[in-house]
Each structure stands twice: as structure tokens, then as C-alpha cells.
C-alpha atoms as a PDB file:
ATOM      1  CA  MET A   1      -1.365   9.765 -17.993  1.00  0.00           C
ATOM      2  CA  SER A   2      -2.014  12.077 -15.082  1.00  0.00           C
ATOM      3  CA  GLU A   3       0.590  10.581 -12.712  1.00  0.00           C
ATOM      4  CA  PHE A   4       4.151   9.305 -13.026  1.00  0.00           C
ATOM      5  CA  MET A   5       5.012   6.014 -14.730  1.00  0.00           C
ATOM      6  CA  ASP A   6       8.022   4.436 -16.375  1.00  0.00           C
ATOM      7  CA  GLU A   7       8.286   6.284 -19.670  1.00  0.00           C
ATOM      8  CA  SER A   8       9.951   3.388 -21.461  1.00  0.00           C
ATOM      9  CA  ALA A   9       6.611   1.567 -21.277  1.00  0.00           C
ATOM     10  CA  LEU A  10       5.033   4.224 -23.471  1.00  0.00           C
ATOM     11  CA  THR A  11       6.679   2.727 -26.546  1.00  0.00           C
ATOM     12  CA  LEU A  12       4.239  -0.152 -26.253  1.00  0.00           C
ATOM     13  CA  PHE A  13       1.463   2.189 -27.411  1.00  0.00           C
ATOM     14  CA  GLY A  14       2.900   2.394 -30.927  1.00  0.00           C
ATOM     15  CA  ALA A  15       3.085   5.312 -33.294  1.00  0.00           C
ATOM     16  CA  ASP A  16      -0.618   5.379 -34.090  1.00  0.00           C
ATOM     17  CA  CYS A  17      -1.623   6.418 -30.549  1.00  0.00           C
ATOM     18  CA  ASP A  18      -1.781  10.035 -29.480  1.00  0.00           C
ATOM     19  CA  VAL A  19      -0.280  10.002 -25.978  1.00  0.00           C
ATOM     20  CA  LEU A  20      -0.247  12.814 -23.390  1.00  0.00           C
ATOM     21  CA  ASN A  21       2.071  11.999 -20.524  1.00  0.00           C
ATOM     22  CA  ASN A  22       1.842  14.805 -17.967  1.00  0.00           C
ATOM     23  CA  PRO A  23       2.255  13.751 -14.324  1.00  0.00           C
ATOM     24  CA  ALA A  24       1.608  17.347 -13.225  1.00  0.00           C
ATOM     25  CA  LEU A  25      -2.049  16.959 -14.160  1.00  0.00           C
ATOM     26  CA  VAL A  26      -2.745  15.184 -10.856  1.00  0.00           C
ATOM     27  CA  ASP A  27      -2.340  18.593  -9.205  1.00  0.00           C
ATOM     28  CA  ASP A  28      -4.058  20.560 -11.983  1.00  0.00           C
ATOM     29  CA  ARG A  29      -7.683  19.510 -11.974  1.00  0.00           C
ATOM     30  CA  ALA A  30      -8.819  22.051 -14.543  1.00  0.00           C
ATOM     31  CA  GLY A  31      -6.000  21.086 -16.891  1.00  0.00           C
ATOM     32  CA  LEU A  32      -6.793  17.403 -16.450  1.00  0.00           C
ATOM     33  CA  LEU A  33     -10.476  17.864 -17.263  1.00  0.00           C
ATOM     34  CA  ALA A  34      -9.608  19.907 -20.335  1.00  0.00           C
ATOM     35  CA  ALA A  35      -7.141  17.251 -21.520  1.00  0.00           C
ATOM     36  CA  LEU A  36      -9.787  14.533 -21.194  1.00  0.00           C
ATOM     37  CA  ALA A  37     -12.182  16.086 -23.718  1.00  0.00           C
ATOM     38  CA  ASP A  38     -10.927  13.824 -26.502  1.00  0.00           C
ATOM     39  CA  ALA A  39      -9.393  11.006 -24.453  1.00  0.00           C
ATOM     40  CA  ASP A  40     -10.261   7.326 -25.002  1.00  0.00           C
ATOM     41  CA  ALA A  41      -8.251   6.165 -21.979  1.00  0.00           C
ATOM     42  CA  LEU A  42      -6.842   7.566 -18.767  1.00  0.00           C
ATOM     43  CA  ILE A  43      -3.957   6.132 -16.713  1.00  0.00           C
ATOM     44  CA  VAL A  44      -3.788   7.073 -13.015  1.00  0.00           C
ATOM     45  CA  ARG A  45      -2.173   6.083  -9.758  1.00  0.00           C
ATOM     46  CA  ASN A  46      -3.845   6.631  -6.402  1.00  0.00           C
ATOM     47  CA  ARG A  47      -4.177  10.411  -6.267  1.00  0.00           C
ATOM     48  CA  THR A  48      -6.220  11.257  -9.362  1.00  0.00           C
ATOM     49  CA  GLN A  49      -9.922  11.244  -8.372  1.00  0.00           C
ATOM     50  CA  VAL A  50     -11.887   9.495 -11.103  1.00  0.00           C
ATOM     51  CA  ASP A  51     -15.362  10.669 -10.154  1.00  0.00           C
ATOM     52  CA  ALA A  52     -18.578  11.777 -11.816  1.00  0.00           C
ATOM     53  CA  ASP A  53     -17.200  15.235 -12.654  1.00  0.00           C
ATOM     54  CA  LEU A  54     -14.170  13.741 -14.367  1.00  0.00           C
ATOM     55  CA  LEU A  55     -16.291  11.296 -16.352  1.00  0.00           C
ATOM     56  CA  ALA A  56     -18.580  14.106 -17.446  1.00  0.00           C
ATOM     57  CA  ALA A  57     -15.570  15.938 -18.830  1.00  0.00           C
ATOM     58  CA  ALA A  58     -14.480  12.850 -20.785  1.00  0.00           C
ATOM     59  CA  PRO A  59     -17.345  11.885 -23.135  1.00  0.00           C
ATOM     60  CA  ARG A  60     -15.140   9.517 -25.205  1.00  0.00           C
ATOM     61  CA  LEU A  61     -13.516   7.779 -22.223  1.00  0.00           C
ATOM     62  CA  ARG A  62     -13.717   3.997 -22.472  1.00  0.00           C
ATOM     63  CA  MET A  63     -11.030   2.785 -20.111  1.00  0.00           C
ATOM     64  CA  VAL A  64      -9.145   3.704 -16.911  1.00  0.00           C
ATOM     65  CA  GLY A  65      -5.803   2.011 -16.300  1.00  0.00           C
ATOM     66  CA  ARG A  66      -4.681   1.930 -12.671  1.00  0.00           C
ATOM     67  CA  LEU A  67      -0.935   1.942 -11.998  1.00  0.00           C
ATOM     68  CA  GLY A  68      -1.326  -0.274  -8.944  1.00  0.00           C
ATOM     69  CA  VAL A  69      -4.201  -2.197  -7.369  1.00  0.00           C
ATOM     70  CA  GLY A  70      -6.141   0.074  -5.011  1.00  0.00           C
ATOM     71  CA  LEU A  71      -9.379   1.473  -6.408  1.00  0.00           C
ATOM     72  CA  ASP A  72     -10.600   3.796  -3.677  1.00  0.00           C
ATOM     73  CA  ASN A  73      -9.840   6.874  -5.789  1.00  0.00           C
ATOM     74  CA  ILE A  74     -12.072   5.562  -8.608  1.00  0.00           C
ATOM     75  CA  ASP A  75     -15.871   5.735  -8.530  1.00  0.00           C
ATOM     76  CA  MET A  76     -16.519   2.228  -9.778  1.00  0.00           C
ATOM     77  CA  ASP A  77     -20.282   2.655  -9.892  1.00  0.00           C
ATOM     78  CA  ALA A  78     -20.010   5.795 -11.996  1.00  0.00           C
ATOM     79  CA  CYS A  79     -17.575   4.079 -14.338  1.00  0.00           C
ATOM     80  CA  ALA A  80     -19.890   1.096 -14.705  1.00  0.00           C
ATOM     81  CA  ALA A  81     -22.839   3.363 -15.470  1.00  0.00           C
ATOM     82  CA  ARG A  82     -20.784   4.883 -18.295  1.00  0.00           C
ATOM     83  CA  ASN A  83     -19.453   1.514 -19.517  1.00  0.00           C
ATOM     84  CA  VAL A  84     -15.926   2.669 -18.694  1.00  0.00           C
ATOM     85  CA  SER A  85     -13.729  -0.330 -17.860  1.00  0.00           C
ATOM     86  CA  VAL A  86     -11.241  -0.119 -14.969  1.00  0.00           C
ATOM     87  CA  ARG A  87      -8.121  -2.279 -15.023  1.00  0.00           C
ATOM     88  CA  PRO A  88      -5.702  -2.432 -12.070  1.00  0.00           C
ATOM     89  CA  ALA A  89      -2.156  -3.758 -12.577  1.00  0.00           C
ATOM     90  CA  THR A  90      -2.816  -6.754 -10.389  1.00  0.00           C
ATOM     91  CA  GLY A  91       0.324  -8.569  -9.246  1.00  0.00           C
ATOM     92  CA  ALA A  92       2.813  -6.230 -10.891  1.00  0.00           C
ATOM     93  CA  ASN A  93       4.020  -4.599  -7.681  1.00  0.00           C
ATOM     94  CA  THR A  94       3.622  -7.624  -5.376  1.00  0.00           C
ATOM     95  CA  LEU A  95       7.335  -8.269  -4.980  1.00  0.00           C
ATOM     96  CA  SER A  96       8.145  -4.611  -4.236  1.00  0.00           C
ATOM     97  CA  VAL A  97       5.536  -4.412  -1.472  1.00  0.00           C
ATOM     98  CA  ALA A  98       6.491  -7.754   0.029  1.00  0.00           C
ATOM     99  CA  GLU A  99      10.167  -6.755   0.207  1.00  0.00           C
ATOM    100  CA  TYR A 100       9.193  -3.445   1.818  1.00  0.00           C
ATOM    101  CA  VAL A 101       7.242  -5.288   4.539  1.00  0.00           C
ATOM    102  CA  ILE A 102      10.125  -7.652   5.235  1.00  0.00           C
ATOM    103  CA  SER A 103      12.676  -4.815   5.254  1.00  0.00           C
ATOM    104  CA  ALA A 104      10.557  -2.810   7.662  1.00  0.00           C
ATOM    105  CA  THR A 105      10.049  -5.882   9.868  1.00  0.00           C
ATOM    106  CA  LEU A 106      13.781  -6.508  10.193  1.00  0.00           C
ATOM    107  CA  THR A 107      14.608  -2.841  10.697  1.00  0.00           C
ATOM    108  CA  LEU A 108      11.995  -2.313  13.408  1.00  0.00           C
ATOM    109  CA  LEU A 109      12.657  -5.541  15.264  1.00  0.00           C
ATOM    110  CA  ARG A 110      16.402  -4.873  15.361  1.00  0.00           C
ATOM    111  CA  GLY A 111      15.920  -1.206  16.230  1.00  0.00           C
ATOM    112  CA  ALA A 112      19.597  -0.439  15.704  1.00  0.00           C
ATOM    113  CA  TYR A 113      19.648   1.698  12.585  1.00  0.00           C
ATOM    114  CA  GLY A 114      18.796   5.079  14.033  1.00  0.00           C
ATOM    115  CA  ALA A 115      22.042   5.394  15.958  1.00  0.00           C
ATOM    116  CA  GLN A 116      23.964   7.572  13.500  1.00  0.00           C
ATOM    117  CA  ALA A 117      23.545  10.863  15.384  1.00  0.00           C
ATOM    118  CA  ALA A 118      24.536   9.277  18.704  1.00  0.00           C
ATOM    119  CA  MET A 119      27.544   7.554  17.142  1.00  0.00           C
ATOM    120  CA  LEU A 120      28.751  10.738  15.430  1.00  0.00           C
ATOM    121  CA  ALA A 121      28.449  12.512  18.782  1.00  0.00           C
ATOM    122  CA  GLY A 122      30.782   9.987  20.353  1.00  0.00           C
ATOM    123  CA  ASP A 123      28.114   7.987  22.152  1.00  0.00           C
ATOM    124  CA  TRP A 124      28.246   4.201  22.271  1.00  0.00           C
ATOM    125  CA  PRO A 125      24.594   3.110  22.897  1.00  0.00           C
ATOM    126  CA  ARG A 126      25.320  -0.608  22.671  1.00  0.00           C
ATOM    127  CA  ASN A 127      23.036  -1.880  25.458  1.00  0.00           C
ATOM    128  CA  ARG A 128      20.193   0.406  24.422  1.00  0.00           C
ATOM    129  CA  LEU A 129      20.244  -0.931  20.872  1.00  0.00           C
ATOM    130  CA  ILE A 130      20.033  -4.652  21.601  1.00  0.00           C
ATOM    131  CA  GLY A 131      17.123  -5.617  19.382  1.00  0.00           C
ATOM    132  CA  ALA A 132      15.253  -8.759  18.449  1.00  0.00           C
ATOM    133  CA  GLU A 133      15.388 -11.471  15.779  1.00  0.00           C
ATOM    134  CA  ALA A 134      12.563 -12.216  13.360  1.00  0.00           C
ATOM    135  CA  SER A 135      13.027 -15.981  13.631  1.00  0.00           C
ATOM    136  CA  GLY A 136      10.470 -17.573  15.936  1.00  0.00           C
ATOM    137  CA  ARG A 137       8.180 -14.587  15.934  1.00  0.00           C
ATOM    138  CA  THR A 138       4.707 -14.407  14.345  1.00  0.00           C
ATOM    139  CA  MET A 139       3.928 -12.430  11.193  1.00  0.00           C
ATOM    140  CA  GLY A 140       0.244 -11.551  11.365  1.00  0.00           C
ATOM    141  CA  LEU A 141      -1.425 -10.639   8.068  1.00  0.00           C
ATOM    142  CA  VAL A 142      -4.734  -8.803   7.837  1.00  0.00           C
ATOM    143  CA  GLY A 143      -5.963  -9.888   4.431  1.00  0.00           C
ATOM    144  CA  PHE A 144      -4.398 -12.868   2.665  1.00  0.00           C
ATOM    145  CA  GLY A 145      -4.386 -11.974  -1.021  1.00  0.00           C
ATOM    146  CA  GLY A 146      -1.421 -12.133  -3.390  1.00  0.00           C
ATOM    147  CA  ILE A 147       0.758  -9.532  -1.667  1.00  0.00           C
ATOM    148  CA  ALA A 148       0.164 -10.960   1.810  1.00  0.00           C
ATOM    149  CA  ARG A 149       0.996 -14.429   0.555  1.00  0.00           C
ATOM    150  CA  ALA A 150       4.277 -13.122  -0.900  1.00  0.00           C
ATOM    151  CA  VAL A 151       5.023 -11.572   2.498  1.00  0.00           C
ATOM    152  CA  ALA A 152       4.231 -14.905   4.188  1.00  0.00           C
ATOM    153  CA  GLU A 153       6.575 -16.804   1.872  1.00  0.00           C
ATOM    154  CA  ARG A 154       9.479 -14.488   2.688  1.00  0.00           C
ATOM    155  CA  ALA A 155       8.701 -14.278   6.408  1.00  0.00           C
ATOM    156  CA  ARG A 156       8.578 -18.083   6.597  1.00  0.00           C
ATOM    157  CA  ALA A 157      12.063 -18.203   5.040  1.00  0.00           C
ATOM    158  CA  LEU A 158      13.224 -16.081   7.992  1.00  0.00           C
ATOM    159  CA  GLY A 159      11.871 -18.635  10.443  1.00  0.00           C
ATOM    160  CA  MET A 160       8.717 -16.710  11.302  1.00  0.00           C
ATOM    161  CA  HIS A 161       5.357 -18.289  12.046  1.00  0.00           C
ATOM    162  CA  ILE A 162       2.476 -17.119   9.849  1.00  0.00           C
ATOM    163  CA  ALA A 163      -1.047 -16.217  10.980  1.00  0.00           C
ATOM    164  CA  ALA A 164      -3.661 -14.498   8.860  1.00  0.00           C
ATOM    165  CA  HIS A 165      -7.227 -13.120   8.954  1.00  0.00           C
ATOM    166  CA  ASP A 166      -9.283 -12.967   5.767  1.00  0.00           C
ATOM    167  CA  PRO A 167     -13.036 -13.654   6.074  1.00  0.00           C
ATOM    168  CA  HIS A 168     -13.491 -13.212   2.317  1.00  0.00           C
ATOM    169  CA  LEU A 169     -11.119 -16.012   1.306  1.00  0.00           C
ATOM    170  CA  PRO A 170     -12.644 -19.502   0.946  1.00  0.00           C
ATOM    171  CA  GLU A 171     -11.644 -22.205   3.383  1.00  0.00           C
ATOM    172  CA  ASP A 172      -8.860 -23.740   1.325  1.00  0.00           C
ATOM    173  CA  PRO A 173      -8.520 -22.435  -2.255  1.00  0.00           C
ATOM    174  CA  ASP A 174      -5.615 -24.292  -3.834  1.00  0.00           C
ATOM    175  CA  GLY A 175      -4.107 -24.974  -0.448  1.00  0.00           C
ATOM    176  CA  VAL A 176      -3.142 -21.349   0.245  1.00  0.00           C
ATOM    177  CA  TRP A 177      -3.884 -21.793   3.977  1.00  0.00           C
ATOM    178  CA  SER A 178      -1.338 -24.631   4.246  1.00  0.00           C
ATOM    179  CA  GLY A 179       1.125 -23.810   6.982  1.00  0.00           C
ATOM    180  CA  VAL A 180      -0.842 -20.680   7.956  1.00  0.00           C
ATOM    181  CA  ARG A 181      -2.801 -20.265  11.181  1.00  0.00           C
ATOM    182  CA  ARG A 182      -6.191 -18.955  10.099  1.00  0.00           C
ATOM    183  CA  CYS A 183      -7.846 -16.884  12.825  1.00  0.00           C
ATOM    184  CA  ASP A 184     -10.345 -14.093  13.473  1.00  0.00           C
ATOM    185  CA  LEU A 185      -9.102 -10.543  13.901  1.00  0.00           C
ATOM    186  CA  ASP A 186      -9.133 -10.597  17.706  1.00  0.00           C
ATOM    187  CA  ALA A 187      -7.017 -13.746  17.794  1.00  0.00           C
ATOM    188  CA  LEU A 188      -4.622 -12.289  15.201  1.00  0.00           C
ATOM    189  CA  LEU A 189      -4.158  -9.097  17.204  1.00  0.00           C
ATOM    190  CA  ALA A 190      -3.361 -11.147  20.296  1.00  0.00           C
ATOM    191  CA  THR A 191      -0.929 -13.398  18.419  1.00  0.00           C
ATOM    192  CA  ALA A 192       1.043 -11.222  16.028  1.00  0.00           C
ATOM    193  CA  ASP A 193       4.506  -9.873  16.839  1.00  0.00           C
ATOM    194  CA  VAL A 194       4.329  -8.032  13.509  1.00  0.00           C
ATOM    195  CA  LEU A 195       0.932  -6.988  12.092  1.00  0.00           C
ATOM    196  CA  SER A 196       0.998  -6.198   8.359  1.00  0.00           C
ATOM    197  CA  LEU A 197      -2.132  -4.802   6.691  1.00  0.00           C
ATOM    198  CA  HIS A 198      -3.248  -5.924   3.238  1.00  0.00           C
ATOM    199  CA  VAL A 199      -6.872  -4.878   2.849  1.00  0.00           C
ATOM    200  CA  PRO A 200      -8.624  -2.142   0.839  1.00  0.00           C
ATOM    201  CA  LEU A 201     -10.067   0.925   2.495  1.00  0.00           C
ATOM    202  CA  THR A 202     -13.788   0.345   2.932  1.00  0.00           C
ATOM    203  CA  GLU A 203     -16.342   1.351   5.520  1.00  0.00           C
ATOM    204  CA  GLY A 204     -15.644  -2.012   7.151  1.00  0.00           C
ATOM    205  CA  THR A 205     -11.858  -1.467   7.341  1.00  0.00           C
ATOM    206  CA  ARG A 206     -11.776   2.297   8.056  1.00  0.00           C
ATOM    207  CA  GLY A 207     -10.268   2.755  11.515  1.00  0.00           C
ATOM    208  CA  MET A 208      -9.827  -0.994  11.911  1.00  0.00           C
ATOM    209  CA  ILE A 209      -6.570  -0.557  13.837  1.00  0.00           C
ATOM    210  CA  ASP A 210      -7.767   1.940  16.437  1.00  0.00           C
ATOM    211  CA  ALA A 211      -6.968   2.422  20.125  1.00  0.00           C
ATOM    212  CA  GLU A 212      -9.137  -0.529  21.115  1.00  0.00           C
ATOM    213  CA  ALA A 213      -7.486  -2.848  18.564  1.00  0.00           C
ATOM    214  CA  ILE A 214      -4.020  -1.703  19.592  1.00  0.00           C
ATOM    215  CA  ALA A 215      -4.858  -2.408  23.254  1.00  0.00           C
ATOM    216  CA  ARG A 216      -5.563  -6.026  22.289  1.00  0.00           C
ATOM    217  CA  MET A 217      -2.154  -6.411  20.637  1.00  0.00           C
ATOM    218  CA  ARG A 218       0.910  -7.980  22.220  1.00  0.00           C
ATOM    219  CA  PRO A 219       3.082  -5.522  24.171  1.00  0.00           C
ATOM    220  CA  GLY A 220       5.881  -4.295  21.931  1.00  0.00           C
ATOM    221  CA  ALA A 221       4.245  -5.515  18.695  1.00  0.00           C
ATOM    222  CA  ILE A 222       4.949  -3.803  15.380  1.00  0.00           C
ATOM    223  CA  VAL A 223       2.388  -2.420  12.883  1.00  0.00           C
ATOM    224  CA  ILE A 224       3.147  -2.095   9.153  1.00  0.00           C
ATOM    225  CA  ASN A 225       0.628  -0.439   6.819  1.00  0.00           C
ATOM    226  CA  THR A 226       1.305  -0.534   3.069  1.00  0.00           C
ATOM    227  CA  ALA A 227      -2.396  -0.846   2.229  1.00  0.00           C
ATOM    228  CA  ARG A 228      -4.345   2.389   2.572  1.00  0.00           C
ATOM    229  CA  GLY A 229      -4.381   5.369   4.868  1.00  0.00           C
ATOM    230  CA  GLY A 230      -7.429   5.494   7.115  1.00  0.00           C
ATOM    231  CA  ILE A 231      -7.215   1.824   8.102  1.00  0.00           C
ATOM    232  CA  VAL A 232      -4.959   2.822  11.003  1.00  0.00           C
ATOM    233  CA  ASP A 233      -6.024   5.429  13.542  1.00  0.00           C
ATOM    234  CA  GLU A 234      -2.903   7.578  13.310  1.00  0.00           C
ATOM    235  CA  PRO A 235      -3.240   9.464  16.637  1.00  0.00           C
ATOM    236  CA  ALA A 236      -3.882   6.186  18.474  1.00  0.00           C
ATOM    237  CA  LEU A 237      -0.876   4.542  16.856  1.00  0.00           C
ATOM    238  CA  ALA A 238       1.414   7.474  17.634  1.00  0.00           C
ATOM    239  CA  GLN A 239       0.316   7.502  21.264  1.00  0.00           C
ATOM    240  CA  ALA A 240       0.876   3.763  21.560  1.00  0.00           C
ATOM    241  CA  LEU A 241       4.432   4.236  20.253  1.00  0.00           C
ATOM    242  CA  ARG A 242       5.108   7.065  22.690  1.00  0.00           C
ATOM    243  CA  SER A 243       3.750   5.026  25.628  1.00  0.00           C
ATOM    244  CA  GLY A 244       5.708   1.912  24.646  1.00  0.00           C
ATOM    245  CA  ALA A 245       2.572  -0.187  24.093  1.00  0.00           C
ATOM    246  CA  LEU A 246       3.770  -0.738  20.507  1.00  0.00           C
ATOM    247  CA  GLY A 247       7.384  -1.473  19.728  1.00  0.00           C
ATOM    248  CA  GLY A 248       7.426   0.155  16.327  1.00  0.00           C
ATOM    249  CA  ALA A 249       5.523   0.980  13.153  1.00  0.00           C
ATOM    250  CA  ALA A 250       6.063   1.569   9.460  1.00  0.00           C
ATOM    251  CA  LEU A 251       3.510   3.629   7.584  1.00  0.00           C
ATOM    252  CA  ASP A 252       3.661   4.064   3.832  1.00  0.00           C
ATOM    253  CA  VAL A 253       0.092   5.343   3.480  1.00  0.00           C
ATOM    254  CA  PHE A 254      -1.775   8.067   5.340  1.00  0.00           C
ATOM    255  CA  ALA A 255      -5.236   9.479   5.908  1.00  0.00           C
ATOM    256  CA  THR A 256      -3.966  12.690   4.264  1.00  0.00           C
ATOM    257  CA  GLU A 257      -1.871  12.263   1.117  1.00  0.00           C
ATOM    258  CA  PRO A 258       0.463  13.861   0.370  1.00  0.00           C
ATOM    259  CA  LEU A 259       1.235  14.015   4.086  1.00  0.00           C
ATOM    260  CA  SER A 260       1.388  17.717   5.012  1.00  0.00           C
ATOM    261  CA  ALA A 261       3.604  19.138   7.724  1.00  0.00           C
ATOM    262  CA  GLN A 262       0.488  19.869   9.751  1.00  0.00           C
ATOM    263  CA  ALA A 263      -0.905  16.369   9.389  1.00  0.00           C
ATOM    264  CA  ALA A 264       2.497  14.877  10.259  1.00  0.00           C
ATOM    265  CA  GLN A 265       2.519  16.582  13.655  1.00  0.00           C
ATOM    266  CA  VAL A 266       0.423  13.741  14.988  1.00  0.00           C
ATOM    267  CA  PHE A 267       3.574  11.591  14.862  1.00  0.00           C
ATOM    268  CA  ALA A 268       5.815  14.043  16.723  1.00  0.00           C
ATOM    269  CA  GLY A 269       7.874  12.290  19.395  1.00  0.00           C
ATOM    270  CA  ALA A 270       6.842   8.765  18.332  1.00  0.00           C
ATOM    271  CA  PRO A 271       9.915   6.470  18.537  1.00  0.00           C
ATOM    272  CA  ASN A 272      10.889   3.589  16.216  1.00  0.00           C
ATOM    273  CA  LEU A 273       8.665   4.909  13.483  1.00  0.00           C
ATOM    274  CA  ILE A 274       9.275   4.679   9.706  1.00  0.00           C
ATOM    275  CA  LEU A 275       7.316   7.061   7.487  1.00  0.00           C
ATOM    276  CA  THR A 276       7.556   6.764   3.665  1.00  0.00           C
ATOM    277  CA  PRO A 277       5.584   8.545   0.876  1.00  0.00           C
ATOM    278  CA  HIS A 278       3.421   5.746  -0.553  1.00  0.00           C
ATOM    279  CA  ILE A 279       6.351   4.044  -2.281  1.00  0.00           C
ATOM    280  CA  ALA A 280       6.206   0.481  -0.989  1.00  0.00           C
ATOM    281  CA  GLY A 281       5.115  -0.765  -4.406  1.00  0.00           C
ATOM    282  CA  VAL A 282       7.326   1.616  -6.390  1.00  0.00           C
ATOM    283  CA  THR A 283      10.787   0.205  -7.015  1.00  0.00           C
ATOM    284  CA  GLN A 284      12.593   0.629 -10.308  1.00  0.00           C
ATOM    285  CA  GLU A 285      11.642  -2.905 -11.321  1.00  0.00           C
ATOM    286  CA  GLY A 286       8.129  -2.708  -9.903  1.00  0.00           C
ATOM    287  CA  ASN A 287       7.416   0.599 -11.593  1.00  0.00           C
ATOM    288  CA  LEU A 288       8.438  -0.829 -14.957  1.00  0.00           C
ATOM    289  CA  ARG A 289       6.254  -3.926 -14.478  1.00  0.00           C
ATOM    290  CA  VAL A 290       3.263  -1.836 -13.357  1.00  0.00           C
ATOM    291  CA  SER A 291       3.679   0.557 -16.244  1.00  0.00           C
ATOM    292  CA  GLU A 292       4.015  -2.160 -18.864  1.00  0.00           C
ATOM    293  CA  VAL A 293       1.028  -4.120 -17.533  1.00  0.00           C
ATOM    294  CA  THR A 294      -1.086  -0.978 -17.447  1.00  0.00           C
ATOM    295  CA  VAL A 295      -0.238   0.031 -21.006  1.00  0.00           C
ATOM    296  CA  LYS A 296      -1.039  -3.521 -22.214  1.00  0.00           C
ATOM    297  CA  ASN A 297      -4.358  -3.415 -20.322  1.00  0.00           C
ATOM    298  CA  VAL A 298      -5.253  -0.127 -21.993  1.00  0.00           C
ATOM    299  CA  MET A 299      -4.388  -1.408 -25.441  1.00  0.00           C
ATOM    300  CA  GLU A 300      -6.407  -4.598 -24.918  1.00  0.00           C
ATOM    301  CA  ASP A 301      -9.498  -2.777 -23.749  1.00  0.00           C
ATOM    302  CA  LEU A 302      -9.374  -0.152 -26.460  1.00  0.00           C
ATOM    303  CA  ALA A 303      -8.935  -2.908 -29.084  1.00  0.00           C
ATOM    304  CA  ASP A 304     -11.913  -4.803 -27.687  1.00  0.00           C
ATOM    305  CA  ALA A 305     -14.033  -1.656 -27.748  1.00  0.00           C
ATOM    306  CA  ARG A 306     -13.464  -1.012 -31.460  1.00  0.00           C
END
């Protein structure tokens, strides 16, 4: 394990497994490659780069377990060429991400929770902090997989309308589009009061939410990105917040991760902005589920390979 996980899940390996749990390896490439010399399996999150060089250093590797669902840090073609299976923990952090999106939605719409400094200074900014309700507004979802559907369920309970764009999802698989306005991206941008992103980072989605896309959004709309950095044009988003074209944003993922002080300067002066360190899917409960699912995936694949 080259990145952090819930250690209680390690007991599922059993006494006959030789386990190296060292989250510091993600920042020690040489140490990681050396540790992989005799490894049958590797467990990673989103920062460990599973590429051709890593695979070359791991001649016995048969399986990569992903603590999460994104696979952009894993060279899938190289793994396939080596017959190394890759298993994401699909569904294990869905609830955590969905609750993050809803929490960010309510926080940004209300806009009242950054008043501590003013209040402690004796100010009473009551009129300035009159925000908005979620009920009656439209939650727009880019991508309509499992996490987006969980967001839709919770947003609907708040009285929100649901619209979604997903060209890869069939017309009506198991009725998932019931009660959802299905639309193309341009229509979604024009409709959404809150735009939440739930797509992988690909050449087709890189820079999807750029200055042009933001210009097509409703004045005062909110953008939430828990998917992958690079999907949102960060300078364009920050400028739209500063100009008032966007009403708020929550970013949990960034083009540069970890977000350095230099990279973060692009957001200087942007109001109503929530920045978090790629933790939307990492709650205490979610981390345990992801860790347990990943360990079970590893054990299944290694058993099948015997």
C-alpha cells in the first residue's frame, strides 16, 4: 500500500499475507520501486503513478487495487499488456461524495457561513448575507453514473429539479432517467443553478468547463468539481467568481495535486469559493468501505491467479 487507507481493513488479508503498508511511498518513488520487486499486488489512491516504469520494477505484480474509482493515474494499456488486473472500489465512496456535493450546494447558495471574522469584529452584515434556498433550483449533473444519481436523489429531496448530460448512458437503462431532464451540455449549462461534475478526465473532458462554457451558464450559478482536476479551467473559474459571473464554486480536485502555494495563487481574491484537498470521497465511513472493498478485490484476484 503506497497511500493511506483504513488500517483495520488490513486484517482481512490474513496471517499468511506479507503486507507492507507505507503511505509515505507515494512521495518516495525510488523506495516504492524497490518495494515492488517481490510484490504480487499494489494498492494505490490517485497520486501513485502506475506506469510502464513501475510495472517494469514489479515483475511479479498481478493486481492493482484502487482506493477509489478514478483511473487516470494508472496506465491501463500497460497493465493489460502485462496481464495485471486493475480493480477500482466502485460504489464504496458514493455516499461520501454525494453528501459533499449537497453540503457544498447548501453552503454556497446560502453564502452566510464566512461571516465569522466580521461578526467577531462587531459587524452585523445581515443584509449582505441574505442567500438563496436550494428548493426550486436546478441541479445540473455532468455525467450520470452512480455518484451523480446519488446526488440527484438527495437534491430531489431538497426540492431541486434535476437535469443531466451523459452521452454514454443508454436512453433508459432501468428507468434511471425517470424524473430527470436529459439534455446536451449546452442546454445543461444554460439550465443549471448548480453544476456538479461527475466525469473522468479524458482528452474529451479536459478543459470542458472553460471560459466559453462559463459564459453560457446562468448568472450567479455555482460549480462543484469532485471529479478530476483539469476538467475545470481554474483561471477562468477564478475570474468568473471575481467578476460575479459565477455565484460560487467548490473544488475538491485540481490540475496540480497536491495544490502548491504557487498554483493556489490563481484563486486569490475569488469570493464564495470552497477549496478542499481531494477529500470528497474520504469520510471515516467511506474510507473504511473503500479500504475493505479494495482488500477483498485484491484477495479475489490473487486467488483467481493461483
